[in-house]
Amino acid sequence: MHALSIPTWIIHISSVIEWIVAIWLIWIYGELTNNRSWWGLSLAMLPALVSAMCACTWHYFDNAESLEWLVTLQATMTLVGNFTLWGAAFLIWRSTKSSNTVEPEPIKSEP
C-alpha cells in the first residue's frame, strides 16, 4: 500500500495552496510596482505547480500503473520549471540593474 498518511497529505495540499497564493501575490506585486519582470516570475512558477499537482494526483490514485505517465510529466515539469524560474530570476535581476543607474557621490574629506 502506497497511501500517504493524513499529515503527509496535509503537507502536500498545503504546499500546493501556498504555491498558488505565492503566484497570485507575486503577480499583484508586479502590478503594484509596475514591473513586468515580476509577472514573468509568477508565470514561471506554473510548471512547478503542475509538477506538484501531478505528484498529488499520482498519490491520490495510490500510484496506479495506468497513471505512470504522471511521473514522467512531473519530472518534465520540474525540469522545465527550474529553467523558467532561473530565466525569471535573471529578468528580475536585469530589470533592477538597469533601474539603479544612480552615480555615487564622491566622499568629501574636510581638513
Protein backbone atom coordinates (compact mmCIF):
# COMPACT_ATOMS: atom_id res chain seq x y z
CA MET A 1 0.00 0.00 0.00
CA HIS A 2 1.43 3.37 -1.05
CA ALA A 3 -1.21 5.55 0.56
CA LEU A 4 0.07 8.65 2.28
CA SER A 5 -0.68 9.42 5.91
CA ILE A 6 -3.03 12.25 6.84
CA PRO A 7 -0.17 14.54 8.00
CA THR A 8 1.67 13.91 4.73
CA TRP A 9 -1.48 14.77 2.74
CA ILE A 10 -1.83 17.97 4.76
CA ILE A 11 1.73 18.93 3.84
CA HIS A 12 1.20 18.10 0.16
CA ILE A 13 -2.06 20.01 -0.18
CA SER A 14 -0.95 23.00 1.88
CA SER A 15 2.22 23.24 -0.24
CA VAL A 16 0.15 23.40 -3.42
CA ILE A 17 -2.12 26.04 -1.88
CA GLU A 18 0.90 28.05 -0.69
CA TRP A 19 2.38 27.93 -4.20
CA ILE A 20 -0.90 29.20 -5.72
CA VAL A 21 -1.03 32.03 -3.18
CA ALA A 22 2.62 32.90 -3.88
CA ILE A 23 1.93 33.07 -7.64
CA TRP A 24 -1.01 35.38 -7.00
CA LEU A 25 0.90 37.63 -4.55
CA ILE A 26 3.88 37.95 -6.90
CA TRP A 27 1.53 38.92 -9.73
CA ILE A 28 -0.04 41.60 -7.50
CA TYR A 29 3.45 42.85 -6.54
CA GLY A 30 4.25 43.18 -10.24
CA GLU A 31 1.11 45.28 -10.72
CA LEU A 32 1.87 47.49 -7.73
CA THR A 33 5.48 48.12 -8.75
CA ASN A 34 4.59 48.30 -12.45
CA ASN A 35 7.46 45.87 -13.10
CA ARG A 36 6.52 43.16 -15.60
CA SER A 37 9.52 41.07 -14.59
CA TRP A 38 7.57 40.00 -11.52
CA TRP A 39 4.69 38.90 -13.74
CA GLY A 40 7.23 36.75 -15.53
CA LEU A 41 8.18 35.14 -12.23
CA SER A 42 4.57 34.31 -11.42
CA LEU A 43 4.14 32.71 -14.86
CA ALA A 44 7.46 30.89 -14.48
CA MET A 45 6.12 29.29 -11.31
CA LEU A 46 3.32 27.49 -13.18
CA PRO A 47 5.35 24.46 -14.37
CA ALA A 48 6.37 23.73 -10.78
CA LEU A 49 2.70 23.94 -9.77
CA VAL A 50 1.78 21.45 -12.49
CA SER A 51 4.56 19.19 -11.22
CA ALA A 52 3.19 19.29 -7.67
CA MET A 53 -0.34 18.60 -8.89
CA CYS A 54 0.93 15.58 -10.85
CA ALA A 55 2.54 14.20 -7.70
CA CYS A 56 -0.64 14.72 -5.66
CA THR A 57 -2.77 13.06 -8.35
CA TRP A 58 -0.37 10.12 -8.58
CA HIS A 59 -0.57 9.57 -4.82
CA TYR A 60 -4.34 10.12 -4.68
CA PHE A 61 -4.85 7.19 -7.04
CA ASP A 62 -2.45 5.05 -5.00
CA ASN A 63 0.34 5.13 -7.58
CA ALA A 64 -1.76 3.32 -10.20
CA GLU A 65 0.26 1.84 -13.05
CA SER A 66 -2.20 3.28 -15.58
CA LEU A 67 -1.16 6.76 -14.40
CA GLU A 68 2.57 6.12 -14.60
CA TRP A 69 2.81 8.81 -17.27
CA LEU A 70 2.19 11.33 -14.49
CA VAL A 71 5.62 10.52 -13.07
CA THR A 72 7.24 11.42 -16.39
CA LEU A 73 5.13 14.57 -16.69
CA GLN A 74 6.02 15.54 -13.12
CA ALA A 75 9.74 15.11 -13.75
CA THR A 76 9.50 17.05 -17.02
CA MET A 77 7.59 19.90 -15.40
CA THR A 78 10.15 20.04 -12.60
CA LEU A 79 12.94 20.40 -15.16
CA VAL A 80 11.03 22.99 -17.21
CA GLY A 81 10.08 24.82 -14.01
CA ASN A 82 13.68 25.04 -12.86
CA PHE A 83 14.69 26.65 -16.15
CA THR A 84 11.71 29.04 -16.24
CA LEU A 85 12.38 30.13 -12.65
CA TRP A 86 16.05 30.69 -13.50
CA GLY A 87 15.04 32.78 -16.51
CA ALA A 88 12.55 34.82 -14.48
CA ALA A 89 15.14 35.45 -11.77
CA PHE A 90 17.58 36.63 -14.43
CA LEU A 91 14.97 39.03 -15.87
CA ILE A 92 14.25 40.45 -12.41
CA TRP A 93 17.97 40.89 -11.77
CA ARG A 94 18.40 42.61 -15.14
CA SER A 95 15.45 44.94 -14.52
CA THR A 96 16.84 46.05 -11.16
CA LYS A 97 20.30 46.55 -12.62
CA SER A 98 19.05 48.90 -15.34
CA SER A 99 16.92 50.98 -12.96
CA ASN A 100 19.74 51.58 -10.44
CA THR A 101 21.95 53.80 -12.57
CA VAL A 102 22.46 56.47 -9.93
CA GLU A 103 26.03 57.72 -9.86
CA PRO A 104 27.62 57.56 -6.42
CA GLU A 105 28.68 60.86 -4.96
CA PRO A 106 32.39 61.26 -4.15
CA ILE A 107 33.33 61.29 -0.50
CA LYS A 108 34.41 64.73 0.64
CA SER A 109 37.08 64.93 3.26
CA GLU A 110 37.19 68.03 5.41
CA PRO A 111 40.54 69.42 6.60
